[in-house]
N, C-alpha and C. Protein backbone atom coordinates (compact mmCIF):
# COMPACT_ATOMS: atom_id res chain seq x y z
N MET A 1 18.51 -6.31 -49.10
CA MET A 1 17.53 -5.36 -48.59
C MET A 1 18.22 -4.02 -48.43
N SER A 2 17.53 -2.97 -48.82
CA SER A 2 18.15 -1.65 -48.77
C SER A 2 18.26 -1.16 -47.33
N PRO A 3 19.23 -0.30 -47.06
CA PRO A 3 19.42 0.24 -45.71
C PRO A 3 18.20 1.01 -45.20
N ILE A 4 17.48 1.65 -46.08
CA ILE A 4 16.27 2.39 -45.67
C ILE A 4 15.21 1.43 -45.16
N ILE A 5 14.99 0.33 -45.85
CA ILE A 5 13.99 -0.66 -45.44
C ILE A 5 14.41 -1.32 -44.12
N GLN A 6 15.71 -1.60 -43.99
CA GLN A 6 16.22 -2.17 -42.74
C GLN A 6 15.96 -1.21 -41.57
N LEU A 7 16.23 0.06 -41.79
CA LEU A 7 16.01 1.07 -40.74
C LEU A 7 14.53 1.15 -40.37
N ILE A 8 13.66 1.11 -41.36
CA ILE A 8 12.21 1.17 -41.10
C ILE A 8 11.77 -0.07 -40.32
N LEU A 9 12.26 -1.24 -40.69
CA LEU A 9 11.88 -2.46 -39.99
C LEU A 9 12.38 -2.45 -38.53
N ILE A 10 13.61 -2.05 -38.32
CA ILE A 10 14.17 -2.00 -36.96
C ILE A 10 13.41 -0.99 -36.12
N THR A 11 13.11 0.17 -36.69
CA THR A 11 12.36 1.20 -35.96
C THR A 11 10.97 0.71 -35.60
N SER A 12 10.30 0.06 -36.54
CA SER A 12 8.94 -0.43 -36.24
C SER A 12 8.96 -1.53 -35.18
N LEU A 13 9.98 -2.39 -35.21
CA LEU A 13 10.10 -3.42 -34.18
C LEU A 13 10.33 -2.80 -32.80
N LEU A 14 11.21 -1.81 -32.73
CA LEU A 14 11.47 -1.14 -31.46
C LEU A 14 10.22 -0.45 -30.93
N LEU A 15 9.52 0.26 -31.81
CA LEU A 15 8.32 0.98 -31.37
C LEU A 15 7.23 0.01 -30.90
N SER A 16 7.08 -1.11 -31.60
CA SER A 16 6.05 -2.07 -31.18
C SER A 16 6.42 -2.72 -29.86
N SER A 17 7.71 -2.94 -29.60
CA SER A 17 8.10 -3.53 -28.31
C SER A 17 7.88 -2.54 -27.17
N PHE A 18 8.14 -1.25 -27.41
CA PHE A 18 7.87 -0.25 -26.38
C PHE A 18 6.38 -0.13 -26.11
N ALA A 19 5.58 -0.18 -27.17
CA ALA A 19 4.14 -0.07 -27.00
C ALA A 19 3.59 -1.26 -26.23
N ALA A 20 4.11 -2.44 -26.49
CA ALA A 20 3.63 -3.63 -25.79
C ALA A 20 4.03 -3.59 -24.32
N ALA A 21 5.20 -3.05 -24.02
CA ALA A 21 5.67 -2.99 -22.63
C ALA A 21 4.95 -1.92 -21.83
N SER A 22 4.37 -0.94 -22.50
CA SER A 22 3.74 0.15 -21.76
C SER A 22 2.22 0.01 -21.65
N THR A 23 1.68 -1.12 -22.06
CA THR A 23 0.23 -1.31 -21.92
C THR A 23 -0.11 -1.46 -20.44
N PRO A 24 -1.25 -0.94 -20.01
CA PRO A 24 -1.62 -1.02 -18.59
C PRO A 24 -1.69 -2.44 -18.06
N GLU A 25 -2.08 -3.40 -18.91
CA GLU A 25 -2.21 -4.78 -18.44
C GLU A 25 -0.87 -5.36 -18.02
N ALA A 26 0.22 -4.86 -18.59
CA ALA A 26 1.54 -5.40 -18.27
C ALA A 26 1.99 -5.00 -16.87
N HIS A 27 1.43 -3.92 -16.31
CA HIS A 27 1.89 -3.40 -15.02
C HIS A 27 0.84 -3.49 -13.92
N VAL A 28 -0.26 -4.17 -14.19
CA VAL A 28 -1.33 -4.25 -13.20
C VAL A 28 -0.94 -5.24 -12.11
N SER A 29 -1.02 -4.79 -10.88
CA SER A 29 -0.82 -5.70 -9.76
C SER A 29 -1.95 -5.48 -8.77
N VAL A 30 -2.40 -6.53 -8.19
CA VAL A 30 -3.51 -6.45 -7.25
C VAL A 30 -2.95 -6.18 -5.86
N PRO A 31 -3.36 -5.07 -5.24
CA PRO A 31 -2.85 -4.79 -3.90
C PRO A 31 -3.38 -5.81 -2.90
N PRO A 32 -2.60 -6.09 -1.86
CA PRO A 32 -3.07 -7.04 -0.86
C PRO A 32 -4.30 -6.50 -0.15
N SER A 33 -5.17 -7.39 0.23
CA SER A 33 -6.39 -7.00 0.91
C SER A 33 -6.05 -6.51 2.32
N ARG A 34 -6.57 -5.35 2.68
CA ARG A 34 -6.32 -4.79 4.00
C ARG A 34 -7.64 -4.62 4.73
N PRO A 35 -7.63 -4.81 6.05
CA PRO A 35 -8.87 -4.60 6.79
C PRO A 35 -9.23 -3.13 6.81
N SER A 36 -10.51 -2.86 6.93
CA SER A 36 -10.97 -1.47 6.96
C SER A 36 -10.61 -0.84 8.29
N THR A 37 -10.58 0.47 8.31
CA THR A 37 -10.30 1.20 9.55
C THR A 37 -11.35 0.88 10.60
N ALA A 38 -12.61 0.77 10.18
CA ALA A 38 -13.68 0.46 11.13
C ALA A 38 -13.45 -0.90 11.79
N SER A 39 -13.01 -1.90 11.01
CA SER A 39 -12.80 -3.21 11.62
C SER A 39 -11.58 -3.21 12.55
N ILE A 40 -10.56 -2.44 12.22
CA ILE A 40 -9.40 -2.33 13.10
C ILE A 40 -9.80 -1.67 14.41
N LEU A 41 -10.57 -0.58 14.33
CA LEU A 41 -11.02 0.10 15.55
C LEU A 41 -11.89 -0.81 16.40
N LYS A 42 -12.72 -1.63 15.75
CA LYS A 42 -13.56 -2.57 16.49
C LYS A 42 -12.70 -3.60 17.22
N GLN A 43 -11.66 -4.12 16.55
CA GLN A 43 -10.75 -5.09 17.18
C GLN A 43 -10.03 -4.47 18.38
N LEU A 44 -9.72 -3.18 18.30
CA LEU A 44 -9.02 -2.50 19.39
C LEU A 44 -9.96 -2.03 20.50
N GLY A 45 -11.24 -2.27 20.35
CA GLY A 45 -12.20 -1.87 21.37
C GLY A 45 -12.57 -0.40 21.29
N GLY A 46 -12.57 0.15 20.09
CA GLY A 46 -12.89 1.57 19.90
C GLY A 46 -14.32 1.89 20.33
N LYS A 47 -14.45 3.04 20.99
CA LYS A 47 -15.76 3.54 21.45
C LYS A 47 -15.88 5.00 21.03
N PRO A 48 -17.09 5.50 20.88
CA PRO A 48 -17.24 6.92 20.56
C PRO A 48 -16.62 7.77 21.67
N CYS A 49 -15.88 8.79 21.26
CA CYS A 49 -15.28 9.69 22.25
C CYS A 49 -16.37 10.50 22.96
N PRO A 50 -16.10 10.95 24.19
CA PRO A 50 -17.11 11.69 24.95
C PRO A 50 -17.46 13.05 24.35
N ASN A 51 -18.52 13.59 24.88
CA ASN A 51 -19.00 14.94 24.55
C ASN A 51 -19.42 15.09 23.09
N GLY A 52 -19.98 14.04 22.51
CA GLY A 52 -20.53 14.13 21.15
C GLY A 52 -19.48 14.30 20.07
N SER A 53 -18.25 13.92 20.33
CA SER A 53 -17.18 14.04 19.35
C SER A 53 -17.43 13.09 18.18
N ILE A 54 -16.93 13.45 17.01
CA ILE A 54 -17.07 12.59 15.83
C ILE A 54 -15.97 11.54 15.77
N PHE A 55 -15.02 11.60 16.70
CA PHE A 55 -13.89 10.68 16.70
C PHE A 55 -14.20 9.40 17.46
N THR A 56 -13.36 8.39 17.23
CA THR A 56 -13.44 7.13 17.96
C THR A 56 -12.23 7.06 18.88
N CYS A 57 -12.46 6.74 20.15
CA CYS A 57 -11.38 6.66 21.12
C CYS A 57 -11.00 5.20 21.37
N VAL A 58 -9.70 4.99 21.56
CA VAL A 58 -9.16 3.66 21.85
C VAL A 58 -8.18 3.82 23.00
N THR A 59 -8.22 2.90 23.95
CA THR A 59 -7.27 2.91 25.06
C THR A 59 -6.26 1.79 24.83
N LEU A 60 -5.00 2.16 24.85
CA LEU A 60 -3.92 1.19 24.63
C LEU A 60 -3.00 1.19 25.84
N SER A 61 -2.49 0.02 26.17
CA SER A 61 -1.50 -0.13 27.23
C SER A 61 -0.15 -0.34 26.55
N LEU A 62 0.79 0.57 26.78
CA LEU A 62 2.09 0.48 26.15
C LEU A 62 3.18 0.40 27.20
N PRO A 63 4.28 -0.28 26.90
CA PRO A 63 5.36 -0.38 27.88
C PRO A 63 5.97 0.98 28.16
N LEU A 64 6.25 1.24 29.43
CA LEU A 64 6.86 2.50 29.81
C LEU A 64 8.29 2.56 29.29
N ASP A 65 9.00 1.43 29.33
CA ASP A 65 10.38 1.36 28.83
C ASP A 65 10.48 0.16 27.89
N HIS A 66 10.27 0.39 26.61
CA HIS A 66 10.28 -0.73 25.66
C HIS A 66 11.69 -1.27 25.40
N PHE A 67 12.73 -0.59 25.90
CA PHE A 67 14.10 -1.10 25.76
C PHE A 67 14.45 -2.08 26.87
N ASN A 68 13.63 -2.13 27.92
CA ASN A 68 13.91 -3.01 29.05
C ASN A 68 12.74 -3.99 29.21
N PRO A 69 12.84 -5.20 28.68
CA PRO A 69 11.73 -6.16 28.76
C PRO A 69 11.40 -6.60 30.18
N LYS A 70 12.33 -6.43 31.12
CA LYS A 70 12.08 -6.82 32.52
C LYS A 70 11.21 -5.78 33.24
N ASP A 71 11.16 -4.58 32.72
CA ASP A 71 10.33 -3.52 33.31
C ASP A 71 8.92 -3.69 32.77
N THR A 72 8.02 -4.20 33.58
CA THR A 72 6.65 -4.49 33.13
C THR A 72 5.68 -3.34 33.32
N ARG A 73 6.19 -2.19 33.72
CA ARG A 73 5.30 -1.02 33.89
C ARG A 73 4.74 -0.58 32.55
N THR A 74 3.52 -0.12 32.57
CA THR A 74 2.87 0.37 31.34
C THR A 74 2.33 1.77 31.55
N ILE A 75 2.04 2.39 30.48
CA ILE A 75 1.47 3.74 30.51
C ILE A 75 0.19 3.73 29.67
């Protein structure tokens, strides 16, 4: 086989392998299902903020000193 034909065959094989690897189907991954923001706010007890605001308010109790588990004070 002549060197020109060998070069053409090798080039076509390389190009076809790159084309196959770059197809969208090869890289498609399904993202994990996440809850909606509305459902998260509902779980947290979200209520409409006062004075006709468009926001949703949530009250959370957080540890005052999260480095000290014996300190049970919250803010």
